[in-house]
């Protein structure tokens, strides 16, 4: 059975149940049971309400961790920082037998060029090679690689605010 539908169902169910229940453990157990009954697989959920508000779904096929705000995912290089003027609005990590990915979405008032250029320079310092770059009036894309790891940085603007997605994906094969 595909991992993505299981992880999405679990994540959605956890989000819905935890907003309606006062007990974190009860919510986790109810969603775990529902997903396991639906899929026939083993699922473990962890909602970190005492920490950063993230939640993790683990199955036999892989895991996914999502959160809003806060820090960049653990899968990012240590040299990657949250650029002044930008805020992390989403971070997440997924892992299965095929690949491991870490993604962050940042928003702020800097231009897409400033943000994409900043992270592209950090990646080059980490040994990444710039494979492709695209720039339009409002959008900037930078695709890079370093061995089995690819890095995609996509920045865009609506004319007022900038949103940038940064994804590291490593082939586990």
N, C-alpha and C. Protein backbone atom coordinates (compact mmCIF):
# COMPACT_ATOMS: atom_id res chain seq x y z
N UNK A 1 0.85 -1.18 0.00
CA UNK A 1 0.00 0.00 0.00
C UNK A 1 0.89 1.24 0.00
N UNK A 2 0.57 2.27 -0.78
CA UNK A 2 1.40 3.48 -0.86
C UNK A 2 1.51 4.18 0.50
N UNK A 3 2.68 4.69 0.79
CA UNK A 3 2.94 5.35 2.07
C UNK A 3 2.22 6.69 2.17
N UNK A 4 2.22 7.47 1.11
CA UNK A 4 1.68 8.83 1.16
C UNK A 4 0.23 8.88 1.64
N UNK A 5 -0.71 8.04 1.11
CA UNK A 5 -2.08 8.11 1.60
C UNK A 5 -2.19 7.75 3.08
N UNK A 6 -1.40 6.78 3.53
CA UNK A 6 -1.43 6.40 4.95
C UNK A 6 -0.98 7.57 5.81
N UNK A 7 0.15 8.17 5.43
CA UNK A 7 0.69 9.27 6.22
C UNK A 7 -0.24 10.48 6.19
N UNK A 8 -0.82 10.77 5.04
CA UNK A 8 -1.73 11.91 4.93
C UNK A 8 -2.97 11.68 5.77
N UNK A 9 -3.56 10.47 5.69
CA UNK A 9 -4.75 10.14 6.48
C UNK A 9 -4.47 10.27 7.97
N UNK A 10 -3.34 9.75 8.39
CA UNK A 10 -2.97 9.84 9.80
C UNK A 10 -2.76 11.28 10.24
N UNK A 11 -2.06 12.05 9.42
CA UNK A 11 -1.79 13.44 9.77
C UNK A 11 -3.08 14.25 9.85
N UNK A 12 -3.95 14.07 8.87
CA UNK A 12 -5.22 14.80 8.86
C UNK A 12 -6.07 14.39 10.05
N UNK A 13 -6.15 13.10 10.30
CA UNK A 13 -6.94 12.63 11.43
C UNK A 13 -6.42 13.15 12.74
N UNK A 14 -5.11 13.15 12.91
CA UNK A 14 -4.52 13.67 14.14
C UNK A 14 -4.81 15.15 14.32
N UNK A 15 -4.68 15.90 13.26
CA UNK A 15 -4.95 17.33 13.35
C UNK A 15 -6.39 17.59 13.75
N UNK A 16 -7.33 16.84 13.18
CA UNK A 16 -8.74 17.03 13.51
C UNK A 16 -9.07 16.60 14.92
N UNK A 17 -8.57 15.44 15.32
CA UNK A 17 -8.89 14.91 16.63
C UNK A 17 -8.25 15.72 17.75
N UNK A 18 -7.01 16.14 17.58
CA UNK A 18 -6.33 16.85 18.66
C UNK A 18 -6.95 18.21 18.92
N UNK A 19 -7.63 18.78 17.95
CA UNK A 19 -8.29 20.05 18.20
C UNK A 19 -9.59 19.86 18.96
N UNK A 20 -10.15 18.65 18.92
CA UNK A 20 -11.43 18.41 19.57
C UNK A 20 -11.30 17.69 20.90
N UNK A 21 -10.15 17.13 21.24
CA UNK A 21 -9.97 16.36 22.48
C UNK A 21 -9.00 17.06 23.41
N UNK A 22 -9.24 16.87 24.72
CA UNK A 22 -8.35 17.49 25.68
C UNK A 22 -7.18 16.58 26.02
N UNK A 23 -7.26 15.32 25.71
CA UNK A 23 -6.18 14.40 26.03
C UNK A 23 -5.38 14.04 24.79
N UNK A 24 -4.10 14.42 24.82
CA UNK A 24 -3.20 14.13 23.70
C UNK A 24 -3.09 12.63 23.44
N UNK A 25 -2.93 11.84 24.50
CA UNK A 25 -2.80 10.39 24.33
C UNK A 25 -4.06 9.77 23.76
N UNK A 26 -5.22 10.23 24.21
CA UNK A 26 -6.48 9.72 23.69
C UNK A 26 -6.59 10.02 22.21
N UNK A 27 -6.24 11.23 21.82
CA UNK A 27 -6.30 11.61 20.41
C UNK A 27 -5.37 10.74 19.58
N UNK A 28 -4.14 10.56 20.04
CA UNK A 28 -3.18 9.74 19.31
C UNK A 28 -3.69 8.32 19.15
N UNK A 29 -4.20 7.74 20.24
CA UNK A 29 -4.69 6.35 20.20
C UNK A 29 -5.89 6.20 19.28
N UNK A 30 -6.81 7.14 19.31
CA UNK A 30 -7.99 7.07 18.44
C UNK A 30 -7.59 7.12 16.97
N UNK A 31 -6.71 8.03 16.62
CA UNK A 31 -6.30 8.15 15.23
C UNK A 31 -5.47 6.94 14.81
N UNK A 32 -4.56 6.49 15.68
CA UNK A 32 -3.78 5.29 15.36
C UNK A 32 -4.70 4.12 15.05
N UNK A 33 -5.70 3.91 15.90
CA UNK A 33 -6.64 2.81 15.71
C UNK A 33 -7.41 2.95 14.40
N UNK A 34 -7.88 4.15 14.11
CA UNK A 34 -8.65 4.37 12.89
C UNK A 34 -7.80 4.09 11.65
N UNK A 35 -6.58 4.59 11.65
CA UNK A 35 -5.70 4.38 10.49
C UNK A 35 -5.32 2.91 10.37
N UNK A 36 -5.00 2.26 11.48
CA UNK A 36 -4.65 0.85 11.44
C UNK A 36 -5.81 0.00 10.96
N UNK A 37 -7.05 0.33 11.40
CA UNK A 37 -8.23 -0.40 10.94
C UNK A 37 -8.45 -0.20 9.44
N UNK A 38 -8.21 1.00 8.95
CA UNK A 38 -8.42 1.33 7.54
C UNK A 38 -7.36 0.71 6.64
N UNK A 39 -6.12 0.68 7.10
CA UNK A 39 -5.01 0.26 6.24
C UNK A 39 -4.49 -1.14 6.53
N UNK A 40 -4.77 -1.64 7.71
CA UNK A 40 -4.23 -2.95 8.09
C UNK A 40 -2.77 -2.89 8.49
N UNK A 41 -2.19 -1.69 8.51
CA UNK A 41 -0.78 -1.53 8.86
C UNK A 41 -0.61 -1.01 10.27
N UNK A 42 0.62 -1.06 10.76
CA UNK A 42 0.96 -0.55 12.09
C UNK A 42 1.35 0.92 11.96
N UNK A 43 0.74 1.78 12.80
CA UNK A 43 0.99 3.22 12.75
C UNK A 43 1.28 3.72 14.15
N UNK A 44 2.30 4.57 14.28
CA UNK A 44 2.62 5.20 15.56
C UNK A 44 2.58 6.71 15.36
N UNK A 45 1.81 7.41 16.20
CA UNK A 45 1.69 8.86 16.12
C UNK A 45 2.27 9.50 17.37
N UNK A 46 2.87 10.65 17.18
CA UNK A 46 3.39 11.41 18.31
C UNK A 46 3.12 12.88 18.07
N UNK A 47 2.22 13.44 18.88
CA UNK A 47 1.93 14.87 18.81
C UNK A 47 2.70 15.54 19.93
N UNK A 48 3.62 16.42 19.58
CA UNK A 48 4.53 17.05 20.55
C UNK A 48 3.96 18.37 21.04
N UNK A 49 2.89 18.31 21.81
CA UNK A 49 2.26 19.54 22.28
C UNK A 49 3.10 20.26 23.33
N UNK A 50 4.02 19.57 23.97
CA UNK A 50 4.87 20.20 24.99
C UNK A 50 6.10 20.87 24.38
N UNK A 51 6.41 20.54 23.15
CA UNK A 51 7.61 21.07 22.51
C UNK A 51 7.27 22.11 21.48
N UNK A 52 7.53 21.77 20.23
CA UNK A 52 7.37 22.75 19.15
C UNK A 52 6.04 22.63 18.42
N UNK A 53 5.14 21.74 18.88
CA UNK A 53 3.84 21.59 18.25
C UNK A 53 3.87 20.72 17.01
N UNK A 54 4.98 20.05 16.75
CA UNK A 54 5.06 19.19 15.57
C UNK A 54 4.38 17.86 15.84
N UNK A 55 4.12 17.12 14.78
CA UNK A 55 3.65 15.76 14.98
C UNK A 55 4.33 14.84 13.98
N UNK A 56 4.48 13.57 14.43
CA UNK A 56 5.19 12.57 13.65
C UNK A 56 4.29 11.37 13.44
N UNK A 57 4.32 10.84 12.22
CA UNK A 57 3.61 9.61 11.88
C UNK A 57 4.66 8.62 11.41
N UNK A 58 4.69 7.43 12.03
CA UNK A 58 5.63 6.39 11.63
C UNK A 58 4.87 5.13 11.26
N UNK A 59 5.25 4.52 10.13
CA UNK A 59 4.70 3.24 9.70
C UNK A 59 5.88 2.33 9.38
N UNK A 60 5.56 1.08 9.00
CA UNK A 60 6.61 0.15 8.58
C UNK A 60 7.29 0.63 7.30
N UNK A 61 6.59 1.48 6.53
CA UNK A 61 7.10 1.94 5.23
C UNK A 61 7.89 3.24 5.31
N UNK A 62 7.80 3.97 6.43
CA UNK A 62 8.52 5.23 6.55
C UNK A 62 7.92 6.11 7.61
N UNK A 63 8.37 7.37 7.62
CA UNK A 63 7.88 8.31 8.63
C UNK A 63 7.77 9.70 8.03
N UNK A 64 6.98 10.54 8.70
CA UNK A 64 6.84 11.93 8.29
C UNK A 64 6.66 12.76 9.56
N UNK A 65 7.31 13.92 9.61
CA UNK A 65 7.17 14.85 10.72
C UNK A 65 6.83 16.21 10.15
N UNK A 66 5.80 16.84 10.70
CA UNK A 66 5.38 18.16 10.24
C UNK A 66 5.29 19.10 11.43
N UNK A 67 5.50 20.38 11.15
CA UNK A 67 5.32 21.40 12.16
C UNK A 67 5.13 22.74 11.50
N UNK A 68 4.66 23.69 12.27
CA UNK A 68 4.52 25.05 11.75
C UNK A 68 5.34 25.98 12.61
N UNK A 69 5.93 26.97 11.97
CA UNK A 69 6.75 27.93 12.71
C UNK A 69 8.02 27.30 13.24
N UNK A 70 8.74 28.08 13.99
CA UNK A 70 9.91 27.55 14.66
C UNK A 70 11.15 27.46 13.81
N UNK A 71 11.77 26.27 13.83
CA UNK A 71 13.09 26.07 13.25
C UNK A 71 13.02 25.38 11.90
N UNK A 72 14.16 25.41 11.21
CA UNK A 72 14.32 24.63 10.00
C UNK A 72 14.41 23.15 10.39
N UNK A 73 14.04 22.24 9.50
CA UNK A 73 14.09 20.81 9.84
C UNK A 73 15.50 20.34 10.18
N UNK A 74 15.58 19.29 10.96
CA UNK A 74 16.87 18.72 11.37
C UNK A 74 17.68 18.24 10.17
N UNK A 75 17.03 17.90 9.07
CA UNK A 75 17.72 17.43 7.87
C UNK A 75 18.43 18.51 7.08
N UNK A 76 18.34 19.77 7.51
CA UNK A 76 19.04 20.86 6.83
C UNK A 76 20.47 20.94 7.35
N UNK A 77 21.41 21.38 6.49
CA UNK A 77 22.79 21.58 6.98
C UNK A 77 22.81 22.60 8.13
N UNK A 78 23.74 22.43 9.04
CA UNK A 78 23.84 23.32 10.20
C UNK A 78 24.09 24.77 9.77
N UNK A 79 24.72 24.97 8.63
CA UNK A 79 25.01 26.34 8.18
C UNK A 79 23.77 27.09 7.70
N UNK A 80 22.70 26.37 7.42
CA UNK A 80 21.47 27.02 6.98
C UNK A 80 20.78 27.63 8.19
N UNK A 81 20.52 28.92 8.10
CA UNK A 81 19.89 29.66 9.17
C UNK A 81 18.58 30.23 8.65
N UNK A 82 17.78 30.77 9.56
CA UNK A 82 16.58 31.49 9.14
C UNK A 82 17.03 32.93 8.89
N UNK A 83 16.98 33.32 7.66
CA UNK A 83 17.44 34.63 7.22
C UNK A 83 16.63 35.73 7.90
N UNK A 84 17.30 36.77 8.42
CA UNK A 84 16.60 37.90 9.03
C UNK A 84 15.60 38.46 8.02
N UNK A 85 14.39 38.71 8.49
CA UNK A 85 13.33 39.20 7.61
C UNK A 85 12.43 38.09 7.10
N UNK A 86 12.79 36.84 7.41
CA UNK A 86 11.99 35.69 6.99
C UNK A 86 11.57 34.89 8.22
N UNK A 87 10.44 34.19 8.12
CA UNK A 87 9.90 33.37 9.21
C UNK A 87 9.56 31.99 8.67
N UNK A 88 9.88 30.95 9.43
CA UNK A 88 9.50 29.59 9.05
C UNK A 88 8.01 29.45 9.32
N UNK A 89 7.24 29.15 8.27
CA UNK A 89 5.80 28.93 8.44
C UNK A 89 5.44 27.46 8.34
N UNK A 90 6.37 26.65 7.82
CA UNK A 90 6.16 25.20 7.75
C UNK A 90 7.51 24.52 7.69
N UNK A 91 7.62 23.39 8.37
CA UNK A 91 8.79 22.54 8.21
C UNK A 91 8.34 21.10 8.33
N UNK A 92 9.00 20.23 7.58
CA UNK A 92 8.63 18.82 7.62
C UNK A 92 9.73 17.94 7.09
N UNK A 93 9.66 16.67 7.50
CA UNK A 93 10.62 15.67 7.04
C UNK A 93 9.88 14.38 6.74
N UNK A 94 10.28 13.69 5.68
CA UNK A 94 9.73 12.39 5.35
C UNK A 94 10.88 11.44 5.08
N UNK A 95 10.62 10.16 5.32
CA UNK A 95 11.66 9.17 5.08
C UNK A 95 11.00 7.83 4.79
N UNK A 96 11.51 7.14 3.77
CA UNK A 96 11.11 5.77 3.48
C UNK A 96 12.31 5.05 2.89
N UNK A 97 12.09 3.86 2.33
CA UNK A 97 13.20 3.08 1.78
C UNK A 97 13.85 3.75 0.58
N UNK A 98 13.10 4.60 -0.13
CA UNK A 98 13.58 5.19 -1.37
C UNK A 98 14.33 6.49 -1.15
N UNK A 99 13.77 7.38 -0.31
CA UNK A 99 14.40 8.68 -0.13
C UNK A 99 14.06 9.29 1.23
N UNK A 100 14.85 10.30 1.57
CA UNK A 100 14.61 11.11 2.76
C UNK A 100 14.56 12.56 2.30
N UNK A 101 13.54 13.28 2.77
CA UNK A 101 13.39 14.68 2.34
C UNK A 101 13.13 15.57 3.54
N UNK A 102 13.64 16.78 3.48
CA UNK A 102 13.40 17.81 4.49
C UNK A 102 13.00 19.08 3.76
N UNK A 103 11.88 19.68 4.17
CA UNK A 103 11.34 20.86 3.50
C UNK A 103 11.02 21.94 4.51
N UNK A 104 11.26 23.18 4.13
CA UNK A 104 10.84 24.33 4.92
C UNK A 104 10.23 25.36 3.97
N UNK A 105 9.21 26.03 4.46
CA UNK A 105 8.63 27.16 3.72
C UNK A 105 8.81 28.39 4.61
N UNK A 106 9.42 29.40 4.02
CA UNK A 106 9.69 30.66 4.72
C UNK A 106 8.87 31.77 4.08
N UNK A 107 8.44 32.71 4.88
CA UNK A 107 7.74 33.89 4.36
C UNK A 107 8.33 35.14 5.00
N UNK A 108 8.28 36.23 4.25
CA UNK A 108 8.79 37.49 4.77
C UNK A 108 8.73 38.59 3.75
N UNK A 109 9.45 39.67 4.05
CA UNK A 109 9.36 40.85 3.20
C UNK A 109 10.60 41.09 2.34
N UNK A 110 11.55 40.14 2.34
CA UNK A 110 12.71 40.25 1.45
C UNK A 110 12.30 39.84 0.04
N UNK A 111 13.09 40.20 -0.94
CA UNK A 111 12.78 39.80 -2.31
C UNK A 111 13.12 38.31 -2.51
N UNK A 112 12.43 37.64 -3.44
CA UNK A 112 12.78 36.24 -3.72
C UNK A 112 14.25 36.08 -4.10
N UNK A 113 14.80 37.03 -4.86
CA UNK A 113 16.21 36.96 -5.25
C UNK A 113 17.13 36.96 -4.04
N UNK A 114 16.87 37.85 -3.08
CA UNK A 114 17.72 37.93 -1.88
C UNK A 114 17.74 36.59 -1.14
N UNK A 115 16.57 36.01 -0.98
CA UNK A 115 16.46 34.78 -0.20
C UNK A 115 17.07 33.60 -0.96
N UNK A 116 16.71 33.43 -2.22
CA UNK A 116 17.24 32.32 -3.00
C UNK A 116 18.76 32.45 -3.16
N UNK A 117 19.25 33.65 -3.40
CA UNK A 117 20.71 33.86 -3.52
C UNK A 117 21.43 33.51 -2.22
N UNK A 118 20.83 33.88 -1.08
CA UNK A 118 21.42 33.58 0.23
C UNK A 118 21.58 32.07 0.42
N UNK A 119 20.49 31.31 0.19
CA UNK A 119 20.55 29.87 0.41
C UNK A 119 21.36 29.14 -0.66
N UNK A 120 21.37 29.68 -1.88
CA UNK A 120 22.21 29.10 -2.93
C UNK A 120 23.69 29.24 -2.55
N UNK A 121 24.08 30.40 -2.04
CA UNK A 121 25.48 30.61 -1.62
C UNK A 121 25.85 29.68 -0.47
N UNK A 122 24.93 29.49 0.49
CA UNK A 122 25.20 28.58 1.60
C UNK A 122 25.39 27.15 1.08
N UNK A 123 24.55 26.75 0.12
CA UNK A 123 24.64 25.39 -0.43
C UNK A 123 25.95 25.19 -1.19
N UNK A 124 26.37 26.18 -1.97
CA UNK A 124 27.64 26.08 -2.69
C UNK A 124 28.79 25.94 -1.69
N UNK A 125 28.73 26.66 -0.58
CA UNK A 125 29.75 26.53 0.46
C UNK A 125 29.74 25.14 1.09
N UNK A 126 28.57 24.46 1.04
CA UNK A 126 28.45 23.09 1.57
C UNK A 126 28.85 22.04 0.53
N UNK A 127 29.25 22.47 -0.67
CA UNK A 127 29.70 21.54 -1.69
C UNK A 127 28.67 21.21 -2.75
N UNK A 128 27.55 21.89 -2.77
CA UNK A 128 26.53 21.66 -3.80
C UNK A 128 26.93 22.33 -5.10
N UNK A 129 26.49 21.75 -6.21
CA UNK A 129 26.72 22.28 -7.54
C UNK A 129 25.41 22.84 -8.07
N UNK A 130 25.46 24.04 -8.63
CA UNK A 130 24.28 24.65 -9.23
C UNK A 130 24.02 23.98 -10.56
N UNK A 131 22.89 23.27 -10.67
CA UNK A 131 22.54 22.54 -11.89
C UNK A 131 21.70 23.40 -12.83
N UNK A 132 20.83 24.21 -12.25
CA UNK A 132 19.90 24.98 -13.06
C UNK A 132 19.38 26.15 -12.25
N UNK A 133 19.19 27.26 -12.94
CA UNK A 133 18.65 28.46 -12.29
C UNK A 133 17.67 29.11 -13.26
N UNK A 134 16.56 29.59 -12.74
CA UNK A 134 15.54 30.24 -13.56
C UNK A 134 15.05 31.46 -12.82
N UNK A 135 14.89 32.56 -13.54
CA UNK A 135 14.41 33.78 -12.91
C UNK A 135 13.38 34.44 -13.82
N UNK A 136 12.24 34.80 -13.22
CA UNK A 136 11.23 35.58 -13.93
C UNK A 136 11.05 36.88 -13.16
N UNK A 137 10.06 37.65 -13.52
CA UNK A 137 9.84 38.93 -12.85
C UNK A 137 9.55 38.77 -11.36
N UNK A 138 8.80 37.72 -11.00
CA UNK A 138 8.41 37.54 -9.60
C UNK A 138 8.95 36.25 -8.96
N UNK A 139 9.51 35.34 -9.75
CA UNK A 139 9.92 34.04 -9.23
C UNK A 139 11.39 33.75 -9.52
N UNK A 140 12.00 32.96 -8.61
CA UNK A 140 13.38 32.52 -8.76
C UNK A 140 13.45 31.05 -8.37
N UNK A 141 14.13 30.24 -9.18
CA UNK A 141 14.28 28.81 -8.91
C UNK A 141 15.76 28.46 -9.00
N UNK A 142 16.24 27.67 -8.03
CA UNK A 142 17.61 27.20 -8.02
C UNK A 142 17.59 25.70 -7.74
N UNK A 143 18.11 24.90 -8.67
CA UNK A 143 18.21 23.45 -8.49
C UNK A 143 19.68 23.10 -8.36
N UNK A 144 20.01 22.34 -7.31
CA UNK A 144 21.40 22.01 -7.01
C UNK A 144 21.50 20.53 -6.66
N UNK A 145 22.74 20.03 -6.66
CA UNK A 145 22.96 18.63 -6.27
C UNK A 145 24.32 18.49 -5.60
N UNK A 146 24.41 17.43 -4.79
CA UNK A 146 25.65 17.07 -4.11
C UNK A 146 25.60 15.57 -3.90
N UNK A 147 26.14 14.80 -4.83
CA UNK A 147 26.07 13.35 -4.73
C UNK A 147 24.63 12.88 -4.86
N UNK A 148 24.16 12.12 -3.88
CA UNK A 148 22.81 11.57 -3.90
C UNK A 148 21.75 12.54 -3.40
N UNK A 149 22.16 13.77 -3.05
CA UNK A 149 21.22 14.74 -2.50
C UNK A 149 20.95 15.85 -3.50
N UNK A 150 19.66 16.12 -3.69
CA UNK A 150 19.26 17.26 -4.53
C UNK A 150 18.68 18.34 -3.63
N UNK A 151 18.82 19.57 -4.07
CA UNK A 151 18.31 20.73 -3.34
C UNK A 151 17.54 21.60 -4.31
N UNK A 152 16.31 21.90 -3.97
CA UNK A 152 15.47 22.78 -4.77
C UNK A 152 15.04 23.96 -3.92
N UNK A 153 15.31 25.16 -4.41
CA UNK A 153 14.93 26.40 -3.73
C UNK A 153 14.05 27.16 -4.71
N UNK A 154 12.83 27.43 -4.29
CA UNK A 154 11.87 28.12 -5.14
C UNK A 154 11.33 29.33 -4.39
N UNK A 155 11.54 30.51 -4.92
CA UNK A 155 11.07 31.74 -4.29
C UNK A 155 10.12 32.48 -5.19
N UNK A 156 9.08 33.04 -4.59
CA UNK A 156 8.12 33.81 -5.36
C UNK A 156 7.56 34.94 -4.54
N UNK A 157 6.94 35.87 -5.22
CA UNK A 157 6.38 37.04 -4.55
C UNK A 157 5.03 37.37 -5.17
N UNK A 158 4.14 37.87 -4.33
CA UNK A 158 2.87 38.37 -4.85
C UNK A 158 2.93 39.89 -5.01
N UNK A 159 4.14 40.44 -4.92
CA UNK A 159 4.33 41.88 -5.02
C UNK A 159 4.46 42.54 -3.67
N UNK A 160 3.98 41.86 -2.62
CA UNK A 160 4.06 42.39 -1.26
C UNK A 160 4.89 41.49 -0.36
N UNK A 161 4.59 40.20 -0.37
CA UNK A 161 5.27 39.23 0.48
C UNK A 161 5.99 38.20 -0.36
N UNK A 162 7.04 37.64 0.21
CA UNK A 162 7.83 36.60 -0.45
C UNK A 162 7.61 35.28 0.28
N UNK A 163 7.49 34.21 -0.50
CA UNK A 163 7.41 32.86 0.03
C UNK A 163 8.49 32.04 -0.66
N UNK A 164 9.25 31.27 0.14
CA UNK A 164 10.35 30.47 -0.40
C UNK A 164 10.23 29.05 0.15
N UNK A 165 10.31 28.08 -0.75
CA UNK A 165 10.31 26.67 -0.38
C UNK A 165 11.72 26.13 -0.61
N UNK A 166 12.25 25.43 0.41
CA UNK A 166 13.58 24.83 0.33
C UNK A 166 13.42 23.34 0.64
N UNK A 167 13.85 22.49 -0.29
CA UNK A 167 13.73 21.03 -0.09
C UNK A 167 15.03 20.33 -0.39
N UNK A 168 15.51 19.56 0.58
CA UNK A 168 16.64 18.65 0.41
C UNK A 168 16.06 17.26 0.28
N UNK A 169 16.46 16.53 -0.76
CA UNK A 169 16.02 15.14 -0.92
C UNK A 169 17.21 14.26 -1.22
N UNK A 170 17.36 13.20 -0.41
CA UNK A 170 18.47 12.27 -0.57
C UNK A 170 17.95 10.91 -0.98
N UNK A 171 18.52 10.37 -2.04
CA UNK A 171 18.18 9.03 -2.50
C UNK A 171 18.80 8.02 -1.55
N UNK A 172 17.98 7.16 -0.96
CA UNK A 172 18.46 6.18 0.00
C UNK A 172 18.93 4.88 -0.65
N UNK A 173 18.85 4.82 -1.98
CA UNK A 173 19.22 3.59 -2.69
C UNK A 173 20.65 3.53 -2.89
